[in-house]
Amino acid sequence: MHHISPALTLLPQQCRLINATKGFRLEVCSGCLWLTRPGDAVDRFLVRGAVIDLHEAQVLIQSDCHRGAADGVAARYVLVPLRAPTANRYRQWFKRWTRQARNCVQGLAEVSTRAGA
């Protein structure tokens, strides 16, 4: 099952500093976000439907007004991890499977030891 991140809200002129070193996809649900990244020569204004991948340690976003929007509009957005959670599921399955196999082998060794005694 794919985990869907809940939408986050920034009130008008509110900002947030995001640590995106592990990678996030920023999806704007409504309103407008002003995005500033280190080393980026331009600031970006993202409106509803915009998507951008982030990999920087410090990304600053701020709720901003865009042309045609009423004053005081909050911005809603979603941060989705770029690393798929399904990879962890396969790793967990493999660990569980190897643990079960190891327990089975140990159980067979104990049975054969008792039978030989």
PDB file of N, CA and C in Angstrom:
ATOM      1  N   MET A   1       0.838  -1.179   0.000  1.00  0.00           N
ATOM      2  CA  MET A   1       0.000   0.000   0.000  1.00  0.00           C
ATOM      3  C   MET A   1       0.880   1.238   0.000  1.00  0.00           C
ATOM      4  N   HIS A   2       0.600   2.171  -0.876  1.00  0.00           N
ATOM      5  CA  HIS A   2       1.389   3.393  -1.000  1.00  0.00           C
ATOM      6  C   HIS A   2       0.933   4.395   0.045  1.00  0.00           C
ATOM      7  N   HIS A   3       1.869   4.945   0.801  1.00  0.00           N
ATOM      8  CA  HIS A   3       1.563   5.926   1.834  1.00  0.00           C
ATOM      9  C   HIS A   3       1.440   7.306   1.203  1.00  0.00           C
ATOM     10  N   ILE A   4       0.319   7.954   1.443  1.00  0.00           N
ATOM     11  CA  ILE A   4       0.104   9.297   0.929  1.00  0.00           C
ATOM     12  C   ILE A   4       0.310  10.273   2.066  1.00  0.00           C
ATOM     13  N   SER A   5       1.208  11.231   1.876  1.00  0.00           N
ATOM     14  CA  SER A   5       1.492  12.231   2.894  1.00  0.00           C
ATOM     15  C   SER A   5       0.336  13.209   2.991  1.00  0.00           C
ATOM     16  N   PRO A   6       0.005  13.630   4.225  1.00  0.00           N
ATOM     17  CA  PRO A   6      -1.067  14.618   4.361  1.00  0.00           C
ATOM     18  C   PRO A   6      -0.604  15.985   3.869  1.00  0.00           C
ATOM     19  N   ALA A   7      -1.553  16.774   3.402  1.00  0.00           N
ATOM     20  CA  ALA A   7      -1.235  18.124   2.931  1.00  0.00           C
ATOM     21  C   ALA A   7      -0.898  19.014   4.123  1.00  0.00           C
ATOM     22  N   LEU A   8       0.115  19.829   3.962  1.00  0.00           N
ATOM     23  CA  LEU A   8       0.545  20.779   4.974  1.00  0.00           C
ATOM     24  C   LEU A   8       0.090  22.167   4.541  1.00  0.00           C
ATOM     25  N   THR A   9      -0.097  23.049   5.508  1.00  0.00           N
ATOM     26  CA  THR A   9      -0.591  24.397   5.204  1.00  0.00           C
ATOM     27  C   THR A   9       0.371  25.447   5.728  1.00  0.00           C
ATOM     28  N   LEU A  10       0.618  26.451   4.903  1.00  0.00           N
ATOM     29  CA  LEU A  10       1.341  27.644   5.327  1.00  0.00           C
ATOM     30  C   LEU A  10       0.362  28.806   5.258  1.00  0.00           C
ATOM     31  N   LEU A  11       0.191  29.494   6.376  1.00  0.00           N
ATOM     32  CA  LEU A  11      -0.672  30.667   6.403  1.00  0.00           C
ATOM     33  C   LEU A  11      -0.029  31.782   5.590  1.00  0.00           C
ATOM     34  N   PRO A  12      -0.781  32.808   5.213  1.00  0.00           N
ATOM     35  CA  PRO A  12      -0.213  33.906   4.421  1.00  0.00           C
ATOM     36  C   PRO A  12       1.052  34.484   5.058  1.00  0.00           C
ATOM     37  N   GLN A  13       2.097  34.604   4.274  1.00  0.00           N
ATOM     38  CA  GLN A  13       3.408  35.126   4.658  1.00  0.00           C
ATOM     39  C   GLN A  13       4.168  34.231   5.640  1.00  0.00           C
ATOM     40  N   GLN A  14       3.642  33.071   5.992  1.00  0.00           N
ATOM     41  CA  GLN A  14       4.341  32.132   6.873  1.00  0.00           C
ATOM     42  C   GLN A  14       5.386  31.392   6.050  1.00  0.00           C
ATOM     43  N   CYS A  15       6.534  31.073   6.687  1.00  0.00           N
ATOM     44  CA  CYS A  15       7.582  30.356   5.962  1.00  0.00           C
ATOM     45  C   CYS A  15       8.003  29.119   6.739  1.00  0.00           C
ATOM     46  N   ARG A  16       8.707  28.239   6.047  1.00  0.00           N
ATOM     47  CA  ARG A  16       9.188  26.993   6.636  1.00  0.00           C
ATOM     48  C   ARG A  16      10.524  26.643   5.997  1.00  0.00           C
ATOM     49  N   LEU A  17      11.457  26.199   6.838  1.00  0.00           N
ATOM     50  CA  LEU A  17      12.753  25.726   6.371  1.00  0.00           C
ATOM     51  C   LEU A  17      12.701  24.204   6.307  1.00  0.00           C
ATOM     52  N   ILE A  18      13.004  23.650   5.154  1.00  0.00           N
ATOM     53  CA  ILE A  18      12.922  22.202   4.936  1.00  0.00           C
ATOM     54  C   ILE A  18      14.326  21.645   4.746  1.00  0.00           C
ATOM     55  N   ASN A  19      14.640  20.577   5.466  1.00  0.00           N
ATOM     56  CA  ASN A  19      15.877  19.838   5.238  1.00  0.00           C
ATOM     57  C   ASN A  19      15.535  18.703   4.281  1.00  0.00           C
ATOM     58  N   ALA A  20      15.968  18.827   3.044  1.00  0.00           N
ATOM     59  CA  ALA A  20      15.606  17.856   2.009  1.00  0.00           C
ATOM     60  C   ALA A  20      16.809  17.042   1.538  1.00  0.00           C
ATOM     61  N   THR A  21      17.799  16.845   2.405  1.00  0.00           N
ATOM     62  CA  THR A  21      18.993  16.105   1.984  1.00  0.00           C
ATOM     63  C   THR A  21      18.669  14.671   1.580  1.00  0.00           C
ATOM     64  N   LYS A  22      17.624  14.071   2.156  1.00  0.00           N
ATOM     65  CA  LYS A  22      17.240  12.708   1.780  1.00  0.00           C
ATOM     66  C   LYS A  22      16.346  12.691   0.552  1.00  0.00           C
ATOM     67  N   GLY A  23      15.906  13.859   0.114  1.00  0.00           N
ATOM     68  CA  GLY A  23      15.114  13.974  -1.107  1.00  0.00           C
ATOM     69  C   GLY A  23      13.622  13.969  -0.852  1.00  0.00           C
ATOM     70  N   PHE A  24      12.968  15.015  -1.329  1.00  0.00           N
ATOM     71  CA  PHE A  24      11.519  15.133  -1.249  1.00  0.00           C
ATOM     72  C   PHE A  24      10.987  15.670  -2.564  1.00  0.00           C
ATOM     73  N   ARG A  25       9.771  15.293  -2.879  1.00  0.00           N
ATOM     74  CA  ARG A  25       9.052  15.896  -3.995  1.00  0.00           C
ATOM     75  C   ARG A  25       8.022  16.830  -3.369  1.00  0.00           C
ATOM     76  N   LEU A  26       8.087  18.094  -3.731  1.00  0.00           N
ATOM     77  CA  LEU A  26       7.153  19.106  -3.242  1.00  0.00           C
ATOM     78  C   LEU A  26       6.061  19.277  -4.280  1.00  0.00           C
ATOM     79  N   GLU A  27       4.815  19.064  -3.871  1.00  0.00           N
ATOM     80  CA  GLU A  27       3.668  19.213  -4.759  1.00  0.00           C
ATOM     81  C   GLU A  27       2.755  20.278  -4.165  1.00  0.00           C
ATOM     82  N   VAL A  28       2.456  21.300  -4.933  1.00  0.00           N
ATOM     83  CA  VAL A  28       1.598  22.388  -4.465  1.00  0.00           C
ATOM     84  C   VAL A  28       0.144  22.016  -4.749  1.00  0.00           C
ATOM     85  N   CYS A  29      -0.663  21.989  -3.691  1.00  0.00           N
ATOM     86  CA  CYS A  29      -2.085  21.633  -3.817  1.00  0.00           C
ATOM     87  C   CYS A  29      -2.956  22.859  -4.069  1.00  0.00           C
ATOM     88  N   SER A  30      -2.613  23.970  -3.414  1.00  0.00           N
ATOM     89  CA  SER A  30      -3.383  25.204  -3.611  1.00  0.00           C
ATOM     90  C   SER A  30      -2.544  26.391  -3.171  1.00  0.00           C
ATOM     91  N   GLY A  31      -2.936  27.566  -3.632  1.00  0.00           N
ATOM     92  CA  GLY A  31      -2.201  28.771  -3.279  1.00  0.00           C
ATOM     93  C   GLY A  31      -0.912  28.896  -4.073  1.00  0.00           C
ATOM     94  N   CYS A  32       0.031  29.637  -3.512  1.00  0.00           N
ATOM     95  CA  CYS A  32       1.306  29.894  -4.170  1.00  0.00           C
ATOM     96  C   CYS A  32       2.427  29.818  -3.144  1.00  0.00           C
ATOM     97  N   LEU A  33       3.518  29.153  -3.497  1.00  0.00           N
ATOM     98  CA  LEU A  33       4.692  29.072  -2.642  1.00  0.00           C
ATOM     99  C   LEU A  33       5.859  29.792  -3.302  1.00  0.00           C
ATOM    100  N   TRP A  34       6.586  30.516  -2.503  1.00  0.00           N
ATOM    101  CA  TRP A  34       7.835  31.143  -2.925  1.00  0.00           C
ATOM    102  C   TRP A  34       8.930  30.248  -2.404  1.00  0.00           C
ATOM    103  N   LEU A  35       9.767  29.719  -3.290  1.00  0.00           N
ATOM    104  CA  LEU A  35      10.791  28.742  -2.932  1.00  0.00           C
ATOM    105  C   LEU A  35      12.178  29.317  -3.190  1.00  0.00           C
ATOM    106  N   THR A  36      13.052  29.201  -2.193  1.00  0.00           N
ATOM    107  CA  THR A  36      14.434  29.656  -2.314  1.00  0.00           C
ATOM    108  C   THR A  36      15.351  28.495  -1.943  1.00  0.00           C
ATOM    109  N   ARG A  37      16.314  28.204  -2.835  1.00  0.00           N
ATOM    110  CA  ARG A  37      17.284  27.129  -2.584  1.00  0.00           C
ATOM    111  C   ARG A  37      18.694  27.691  -2.655  1.00  0.00           C
ATOM    112  N   PRO A  38      19.611  27.162  -1.818  1.00  0.00           N
ATOM    113  CA  PRO A  38      20.998  27.634  -1.892  1.00  0.00           C
ATOM    114  C   PRO A  38      21.615  27.269  -3.238  1.00  0.00           C
ATOM    115  N   GLY A  39      22.352  28.210  -3.793  1.00  0.00           N
ATOM    116  CA  GLY A  39      23.022  27.971  -5.063  1.00  0.00           C
ATOM    117  C   GLY A  39      22.135  28.164  -6.279  1.00  0.00           C
ATOM    118  N   ASP A  40      20.833  28.388  -6.076  1.00  0.00           N
ATOM    119  CA  ASP A  40      19.918  28.613  -7.187  1.00  0.00           C
ATOM    120  C   ASP A  40      19.888  30.114  -7.471  1.00  0.00           C
ATOM    121  N   ALA A  41      20.154  30.503  -8.702  1.00  0.00           N
ATOM    122  CA  ALA A  41      20.252  31.923  -9.050  1.00  0.00           C
ATOM    123  C   ALA A  41      18.915  32.642  -9.011  1.00  0.00           C
ATOM    124  N   VAL A  42      17.818  31.892  -9.112  1.00  0.00           N
ATOM    125  CA  VAL A  42      16.496  32.520  -9.110  1.00  0.00           C
ATOM    126  C   VAL A  42      15.613  31.896  -8.039  1.00  0.00           C
ATOM    127  N   ASP A  43      14.724  32.724  -7.505  1.00  0.00           N
ATOM    128  CA  ASP A  43      13.682  32.197  -6.634  1.00  0.00           C
ATOM    129  C   ASP A  43      12.561  31.677  -7.522  1.00  0.00           C
ATOM    130  N   ARG A  44      11.823  30.737  -7.021  1.00  0.00           N
ATOM    131  CA  ARG A  44      10.740  30.152  -7.814  1.00  0.00           C
ATOM    132  C   ARG A  44       9.403  30.417  -7.139  1.00  0.00           C
ATOM    133  N   PHE A  45       8.401  30.680  -7.943  1.00  0.00           N
ATOM    134  CA  PHE A  45       7.038  30.826  -7.462  1.00  0.00           C
ATOM    135  C   PHE A  45       6.253  29.649  -8.017  1.00  0.00           C
ATOM    136  N   LEU A  46       5.752  28.820  -7.124  1.00  0.00           N
ATOM    137  CA  LEU A  46       5.064  27.595  -7.507  1.00  0.00           C
ATOM    138  C   LEU A  46       3.584  27.728  -7.182  1.00  0.00           C
ATOM    139  N   VAL A  47       2.740  27.451  -8.159  1.00  0.00           N
ATOM    140  CA  VAL A  47       1.291  27.527  -7.978  1.00  0.00           C
ATOM    141  C   VAL A  47       0.701  26.120  -8.013  1.00  0.00           C
ATOM    142  N   ARG A  48      -0.596  26.057  -7.775  1.00  0.00           N
ATOM    143  CA  ARG A  48      -1.302  24.770  -7.733  1.00  0.00           C
ATOM    144  C   ARG A  48      -0.938  23.882  -8.922  1.00  0.00           C
ATOM    145  N   GLY A  49      -0.593  22.634  -8.609  1.00  0.00           N
ATOM    146  CA  GLY A  49      -0.223  21.682  -9.646  1.00  0.00           C
ATOM    147  C   GLY A  49       1.274  21.602  -9.911  1.00  0.00           C
ATOM    148  N   ALA A  50       2.033  22.562  -9.406  1.00  0.00           N
ATOM    149  CA  ALA A  50       3.488  22.551  -9.621  1.00  0.00           C
ATOM    150  C   ALA A  50       4.139  21.466  -8.768  1.00  0.00           C
ATOM    151  N   VAL A  51       5.170  20.839  -9.341  1.00  0.00           N
ATOM    152  CA  VAL A  51       5.907  19.776  -8.659  1.00  0.00           C
ATOM    153  C   VAL A  51       7.391  20.041  -8.861  1.00  0.00           C
ATOM    154  N   ILE A  52       8.177  19.889  -7.778  1.00  0.00           N
ATOM    155  CA  ILE A  52       9.621  20.077  -7.877  1.00  0.00           C
ATOM    156  C   ILE A  52      10.304  19.109  -6.918  1.00  0.00           C
ATOM    157  N   ASP A  53      11.397  18.501  -7.363  1.00  0.00           N
ATOM    158  CA  ASP A  53      12.181  17.610  -6.509  1.00  0.00           C
ATOM    159  C   ASP A  53      13.241  18.412  -5.776  1.00  0.00           C
ATOM    160  N   LEU A  54      13.386  18.145  -4.497  1.00  0.00           N
ATOM    161  CA  LEU A  54      14.326  18.863  -3.636  1.00  0.00           C
ATOM    162  C   LEU A  54      15.354  17.899  -3.077  1.00  0.00           C
ATOM    163  N   HIS A  55      16.631  18.340  -3.050  1.00  0.00           N
ATOM    164  CA  HIS A  55      17.715  17.509  -2.516  1.00  0.00           C
ATOM    165  C   HIS A  55      18.659  18.314  -1.628  1.00  0.00           C
ATOM    166  N   GLU A  56      18.351  19.568  -1.373  1.00  0.00           N
ATOM    167  CA  GLU A  56      19.255  20.456  -0.652  1.00  0.00           C
ATOM    168  C   GLU A  56      19.010  20.368   0.856  1.00  0.00           C
ATOM    169  N   ALA A  57      20.052  20.778   1.622  1.00  0.00           N
ATOM    170  CA  ALA A  57      19.943  20.758   3.082  1.00  0.00           C
ATOM    171  C   ALA A  57      19.008  21.852   3.584  1.00  0.00           C
ATOM    172  N   GLN A  58      18.952  22.985   2.921  1.00  0.00           N
ATOM    173  CA  GLN A  58      18.113  24.088   3.376  1.00  0.00           C
ATOM    174  C   GLN A  58      17.310  24.659   2.225  1.00  0.00           C
ATOM    175  N   VAL A  59      16.036  24.382   2.254  1.00  0.00           N
ATOM    176  CA  VAL A  59      15.112  24.925   1.270  1.00  0.00           C
ATOM    177  C   VAL A  59      14.095  25.759   2.038  1.00  0.00           C
ATOM    178  N   LEU A  60      13.937  26.992   1.645  1.00  0.00           N
ATOM    179  CA  LEU A  60      12.994  27.880   2.317  1.00  0.00           C
ATOM    180  C   LEU A  60      11.773  28.068   1.435  1.00  0.00           C
ATOM    181  N   ILE A  61      10.591  27.825   2.018  1.00  0.00           N
ATOM    182  CA  ILE A  61       9.355  28.084   1.290  1.00  0.00           C
ATOM    183  C   ILE A  61       8.527  29.081   2.098  1.00  0.00           C
ATOM    184  N   GLN A  62       7.766  29.893   1.381  1.00  0.00           N
ATOM    185  CA  GLN A  62       6.901  30.871   2.025  1.00  0.00           C
ATOM    186  C   GLN A  62       5.599  30.956   1.243  1.00  0.00           C
ATOM    187  N   SER A  63       4.504  31.058   1.973  1.00  0.00           N
ATOM    188  CA  SER A  63       3.213  31.266   1.326  1.00  0.00           C
ATOM    189  C   SER A  63       3.211  32.666   0.734  1.00  0.00           C
ATOM    190  N   ASP A  64       2.814  32.776  -0.515  1.00  0.00           N
ATOM    191  CA  ASP A  64       2.868  34.058  -1.203  1.00  0.00           C
ATOM    192  C   ASP A  64       1.599  34.241  -2.024  1.00  0.00           C
ATOM    193  N   CYS A  65       1.273  35.471  -2.342  1.00  0.00           N
ATOM    194  CA  CYS A  65       0.124  35.749  -3.207  1.00  0.00           C
ATOM    195  C   CYS A  65       0.562  35.651  -4.661  1.00  0.00           C
ATOM    196  N   HIS A  66      -0.281  35.133  -5.493  1.00  0.00           N
ATOM    197  CA  HIS A  66       0.001  35.139  -6.919  1.00  0.00           C
ATOM    198  C   HIS A  66      -1.083  35.952  -7.609  1.00  0.00           C
ATOM    199  N   ARG A  67      -0.798  36.332  -8.824  1.00  0.00           N
ATOM    200  CA  ARG A  67      -1.698  37.192  -9.582  1.00  0.00           C
ATOM    201  C   ARG A  67      -3.101  36.575  -9.657  1.00  0.00           C
ATOM    202  N   GLY A  68      -4.087  37.352  -9.312  1.00  0.00           N
ATOM    203  CA  GLY A  68      -5.465  36.877  -9.374  1.00  0.00           C
ATOM    204  C   GLY A  68      -5.952  36.252  -8.078  1.00  0.00           C
ATOM    205  N   ALA A  69      -5.065  36.049  -7.102  1.00  0.00           N
ATOM    206  CA  ALA A  69      -5.476  35.444  -5.833  1.00  0.00           C
ATOM    207  C   ALA A  69      -5.895  36.536  -4.867  1.00  0.00           C
ATOM    208  N   ALA A  70      -6.845  36.203  -4.033  1.00  0.00           N
ATOM    209  CA  ALA A  70      -7.274  37.156  -3.011  1.00  0.00           C
ATOM    210  C   ALA A  70      -6.198  37.226  -1.932  1.00  0.00           C
ATOM    211  N   ASP A  71      -6.067  38.385  -1.294  1.00  0.00           N
ATOM    212  CA  ASP A  71      -5.104  38.514  -0.192  1.00  0.00           C
ATOM    213  C   ASP A  71      -5.471  37.544   0.921  1.00  0.00           C
ATOM    214  N   GLY A  72      -4.471  37.061   1.597  1.00  0.00           N
ATOM    215  CA  GLY A  72      -4.708  36.190   2.739  1.00  0.00           C
ATOM    216  C   GLY A  72      -5.000  34.746   2.392  1.00  0.00           C
ATOM    217  N   VAL A  73      -4.569  34.278   1.223  1.00  0.00           N
ATOM    218  CA  VAL A  73      -4.800  32.893   0.827  1.00  0.00           C
ATOM    219  C   VAL A  73      -3.664  32.020   1.350  1.00  0.00           C
ATOM    220  N   ALA A  74      -4.015  30.975   2.067  1.00  0.00           N
ATOM    221  CA  ALA A  74      -3.009  30.031   2.562  1.00  0.00           C
ATOM    222  C   ALA A  74      -2.559  29.118   1.417  1.00  0.00           C
ATOM    223  N   ALA A  75      -1.350  28.607   1.536  1.00  0.00           N
ATOM    224  CA  ALA A  75      -0.824  27.660   0.545  1.00  0.00           C
ATOM    225  C   ALA A  75      -0.832  26.258   1.158  1.00  0.00           C
ATOM    226  N   ARG A  76      -1.285  25.283   0.401  1.00  0.00           N
ATOM    227  CA  ARG A  76      -1.278  23.884   0.853  1.00  0.00           C
ATOM    228  C   ARG A  76      -0.350  23.103  -0.066  1.00  0.00           C
ATOM    229  N   TYR A  77       0.450  22.226   0.543  1.00  0.00           N
ATOM    230  CA  TYR A  77       1.423  21.459  -0.229  1.00  0.00           C
ATOM    231  C   TYR A  77       1.640  20.099   0.418  1.00  0.00           C
ATOM    232  N   VAL A  78       2.246  19.210  -0.345  1.00  0.00           N
ATOM    233  CA  VAL A  78       2.561  17.862   0.125  1.00  0.00           C
ATOM    234  C   VAL A  78       4.046  17.629  -0.101  1.00  0.00           C
ATOM    235  N   LEU A  79       4.714  17.034   0.890  1.00  0.00           N
ATOM    236  CA  LEU A  79       6.104  16.592   0.754  1.00  0.00           C
ATOM    237  C   LEU A  79       6.107  15.074   0.701  1.00  0.00           C
ATOM    238  N   VAL A  80       6.574  14.523  -0.408  1.00  0.00           N
ATOM    239  CA  VAL A  80       6.611  13.073  -0.597  1.00  0.00           C
ATOM    240  C   VAL A  80       8.069  12.638  -0.647  1.00  0.00           C
ATOM    241  N   PRO A  81       8.481  11.689   0.210  1.00  0.00           N
ATOM    242  CA  PRO A  81       9.866  11.206   0.148  1.00  0.00           C
ATOM    243  C   PRO A  81      10.161  10.596  -1.222  1.00  0.00           C
ATOM    244  N   LEU A  82      11.337  10.905  -1.760  1.00  0.00           N
ATOM    245  CA  LEU A  82      11.704  10.355  -3.066  1.00  0.00           C
ATOM    246  C   LEU A  82      12.105   8.893  -2.967  1.00  0.00           C
ATOM    247  N   ARG A  83      12.614   8.499  -1.827  1.00  0.00           N
ATOM    248  CA  ARG A  83      12.968   7.092  -1.639  1.00  0.00           C
ATOM    249  C   ARG A  83      11.684   6.330  -1.381  1.00  0.00           C
ATOM    250  N   ALA A  84      11.381   5.371  -2.234  1.00  0.00           N
ATOM    251  CA  ALA A  84      10.127   4.635  -2.133  1.00  0.00           C
ATOM    252  C   ALA A  84      10.094   3.791  -0.867  1.00  0.00           C
ATOM    253  N   PRO A  85       9.030   3.873  -0.084  1.00  0.00           N
ATOM    254  CA  PRO A  85       8.937   3.062   1.127  1.00  0.00           C
ATOM    255  C   PRO A  85       8.833   1.581   0.825  1.00  0.00           C
ATOM    256  N   THR A  86       8.476   1.210  -0.421  1.00  0.00           N
ATOM    257  CA  THR A  86       8.363  -0.206  -0.761  1.00  0.00           C
ATOM    258  C   THR A  86       9.710  -0.906  -0.679  1.00  0.00           C
ATOM    259  N   ALA A  87      10.819  -0.188  -0.888  1.00  0.00           N
ATOM    260  CA  ALA A  87      12.136  -0.809  -0.795  1.00  0.00           C
ATOM    261  C   ALA A  87      12.368  -1.324   0.619  1.00  0.00           C
ATOM    262  N   ASN A  88      11.924  -0.572   1.611  1.00  0.00           N
ATOM    263  CA  ASN A  88      12.054  -1.015   2.992  1.00  0.00           C
ATOM    264  C   ASN A  88      11.205  -2.255   3.256  1.00  0.00           C
ATOM    265  N   ARG A  89      10.054  -2.323   2.607  1.00  0.00           N
ATOM    266  CA  ARG A  89       9.188  -3.490   2.779  1.00  0.00           C
ATOM    267  C   ARG A  89       9.884  -4.759   2.301  1.00  0.00           C
ATOM    268  N   TYR A  90      10.597  -4.688   1.162  1.00  0.00           N
ATOM    269  CA  TYR A  90      11.313  -5.861   0.663  1.00  0.00           C
ATOM    270  C   TYR A  90      12.460  -6.232   1.595  1.00  0.00           C
ATOM    271  N   ARG A  91      13.134  -5.228   2.125  1.00  0.00           N
ATOM    272  CA  ARG A  91      14.219  -5.495   3.076  1.00  0.00           C
ATOM    273  C   ARG A  91      13.666  -6.171   4.322  1.00  0.00           C
ATOM    274  N   GLN A  92      12.533  -5.695   4.837  1.00  0.00           N
ATOM    275  CA  GLN A  92      11.921  -6.307   6.010  1.00  0.00           C
ATOM    276  C   GLN A  92      11.486  -7.734   5.709  1.00  0.00           C
ATOM    277  N   TRP A  93      10.901  -7.947   4.533  1.00  0.00           N
ATOM    278  CA  TRP A  93      10.498  -9.295   4.152  1.00  0.00           C
ATOM    279  C   TRP A  93      11.708 -10.226   4.101  1.00  0.00           C
ATOM    280  N   PHE A  94      12.811  -9.757   3.507  1.00  0.00           N
ATOM    281  CA  PHE A  94      14.009 -10.589   3.403  1.00  0.00           C
ATOM    282  C   PHE A  94      14.568 -10.923   4.779  1.00  0.00           C
ATOM    283  N   LYS A  95      14.607  -9.953   5.694  1.00  0.00           N
ATOM    284  CA  LYS A  95      15.088 -10.216   7.053  1.00  0.00           C
ATOM    285  C   LYS A  95      14.197 -11.233   7.759  1.00  0.00           C
ATOM    286  N   ARG A  96      12.885 -11.072   7.611  1.00  0.00           N
ATOM    287  CA  ARG A  96      11.956 -12.013   8.242  1.00  0.00           C
ATOM    288  C   ARG A  96      12.136 -13.416   7.661  1.00  0.00           C
ATOM    289  N   TRP A  97      12.272 -13.492   6.344  1.00  0.00           N
ATOM    290  CA  TRP A  97      12.446 -14.786   5.690  1.00  0.00           C
ATOM    291  C   TRP A  97      13.737 -15.469   6.138  1.00  0.00           C
ATOM    292  N   THR A  98      14.861 -14.721   6.207  1.00  0.00           N
ATOM    293  CA  THR A  98      16.127 -15.326   6.643  1.00  0.00           C
ATOM    294  C   THR A  98      16.058 -15.741   8.103  1.00  0.00           C
ATOM    295  N   ARG A  99      15.359 -14.961   8.933  1.00  0.00           N
ATOM    296  CA  ARG A  99      15.208 -15.330  10.349  1.00  0.00           C
ATOM    297  C   ARG A  99      14.407 -16.623  10.473  1.00  0.00           C
ATOM    298  N   GLN A 100      13.336 -16.753   9.683  1.00  0.00           N
ATOM    299  CA  GLN A 100      12.535 -17.972   9.714  1.00  0.00           C
ATOM    300  C   GLN A 100      13.338 -19.169   9.225  1.00  0.00           C
ATOM    301  N   ALA A 101      14.120 -18.969   8.175  1.00  0.00           N
ATOM    302  CA  ALA A 101      14.956 -20.057   7.658  1.00  0.00           C
ATOM    303  C   ALA A 101      15.994 -20.479   8.695  1.00  0.00           C
ATOM    304  N   ARG A 102      16.617 -19.514   9.348  1.00  0.00           N
ATOM    305  CA  ARG A 102      17.608 -19.810  10.386  1.00  0.00           C
ATOM    306  C   ARG A 102      16.971 -20.572  11.549  1.00  0.00           C
ATOM    307  N   ASN A 103      15.767 -20.165  11.970  1.00  0.00           N
ATOM    308  CA  ASN A 103      15.066 -20.860  13.049  1.00  0.00           C
ATOM    309  C   ASN A 103      14.712 -22.284  12.644  1.00  0.00           C
ATOM    310  N   CYS A 104      14.335 -22.466  11.398  1.00  0.00           N
ATOM    311  CA  CYS A 104      13.994 -23.796  10.890  1.00  0.00           C
ATOM    312  C   CYS A 104      15.221 -24.704  10.909  1.00  0.00           C
ATOM    313  N   VAL A 105      16.355 -24.165  10.448  1.00  0.00           N
ATOM    314  CA  VAL A 105      17.602 -24.954  10.434  1.00  0.00           C
ATOM    315  C   VAL A 105      18.019 -25.294  11.859  1.00  0.00           C
ATOM    316  N   GLN A 106      17.915 -24.332  12.772  1.00  0.00           N
ATOM    317  CA  GLN A 106      18.256 -24.600  14.175  1.00  0.00           C
ATOM    318  C   GLN A 106      17.337 -25.652  14.762  1.00  0.00           C
ATOM    319  N   GLY A 107      16.045 -25.590  14.414  1.00  0.00           N
ATOM    320  CA  GLY A 107      15.090 -26.590  14.897  1.00  0.00           C
ATOM    321  C   GLY A 107      15.430 -27.978  14.380  1.00  0.00           C
ATOM    322  N   LEU A 108      15.818 -28.081  13.110  1.00  0.00           N
ATOM    323  CA  LEU A 108      16.210 -29.379  12.548  1.00  0.00           C
ATOM    324  C   LEU A 108      17.466 -29.903  13.221  1.00  0.00           C
ATOM    325  N   ALA A 109      18.411 -28.999  13.533  1.00  0.00           N
ATOM    326  CA  ALA A 109      19.638 -29.416  14.208  1.00  0.00           C
ATOM    327  C   ALA A 109      19.323 -29.945  15.599  1.00  0.00           C
ATOM    328  N   GLU A 110      18.398 -29.323  16.305  1.00  0.00           N
ATOM    329  CA  GLU A 110      18.030 -29.796  17.641  1.00  0.00           C
ATOM    330  C   GLU A 110      17.333 -31.134  17.573  1.00  0.00           C
ATOM    331  N   VAL A 111      16.478 -31.325  16.594  1.00  0.00           N
ATOM    332  CA  VAL A 111      15.768 -32.613  16.431  1.00  0.00           C
ATOM    333  C   VAL A 111      16.763 -33.706  16.127  1.00  0.00           C
ATOM    334  N   SER A 112      17.719 -33.462  15.243  1.00  0.00           N
ATOM    335  CA  SER A 112      18.688 -34.502  14.881  1.00  0.00           C
ATOM    336  C   SER A 112      19.617 -34.797  16.069  1.00  0.00           C
ATOM    337  N   THR A 113      19.919 -33.801  16.900  1.00  0.00           N
ATOM    338  CA  THR A 113      20.763 -34.014  18.074  1.00  0.00           C
ATOM    339  C   THR A 113      20.021 -34.886  19.085  1.00  0.00           C
ATOM    340  N   ARG A 114      18.740 -34.650  19.289  1.00  0.00           N
ATOM    341  CA  ARG A 114      17.948 -35.469  20.226  1.00  0.00           C
ATOM    342  C   ARG A 114      17.794 -36.878  19.712  1.00  0.00           C
ATOM    343  N   ALA A 115      17.602 -37.013  18.404  1.00  0.00           N
ATOM    344  CA  ALA A 115      17.410 -38.346  17.825  1.00  0.00           C
ATOM    345  C   ALA A 115      18.687 -39.156  17.920  1.00  0.00           C
ATOM    346  N   GLY A 116      19.827 -38.497  17.848  1.00  0.00           N
ATOM    347  CA  GLY A 116      21.112 -39.210  17.908  1.00  0.00           C
ATOM    348  C   GLY A 116      21.489 -39.581  19.339  1.00  0.00           C
ATOM    349  N   ALA A 117      20.861 -38.958  20.328  1.00  0.00           N
ATOM    350  CA  ALA A 117      21.219 -39.218  21.719  1.00  0.00           C
ATOM    351  C   ALA A 117      20.546 -40.401  22.302  1.00  0.00           C
TER     352      ALA A 117
END
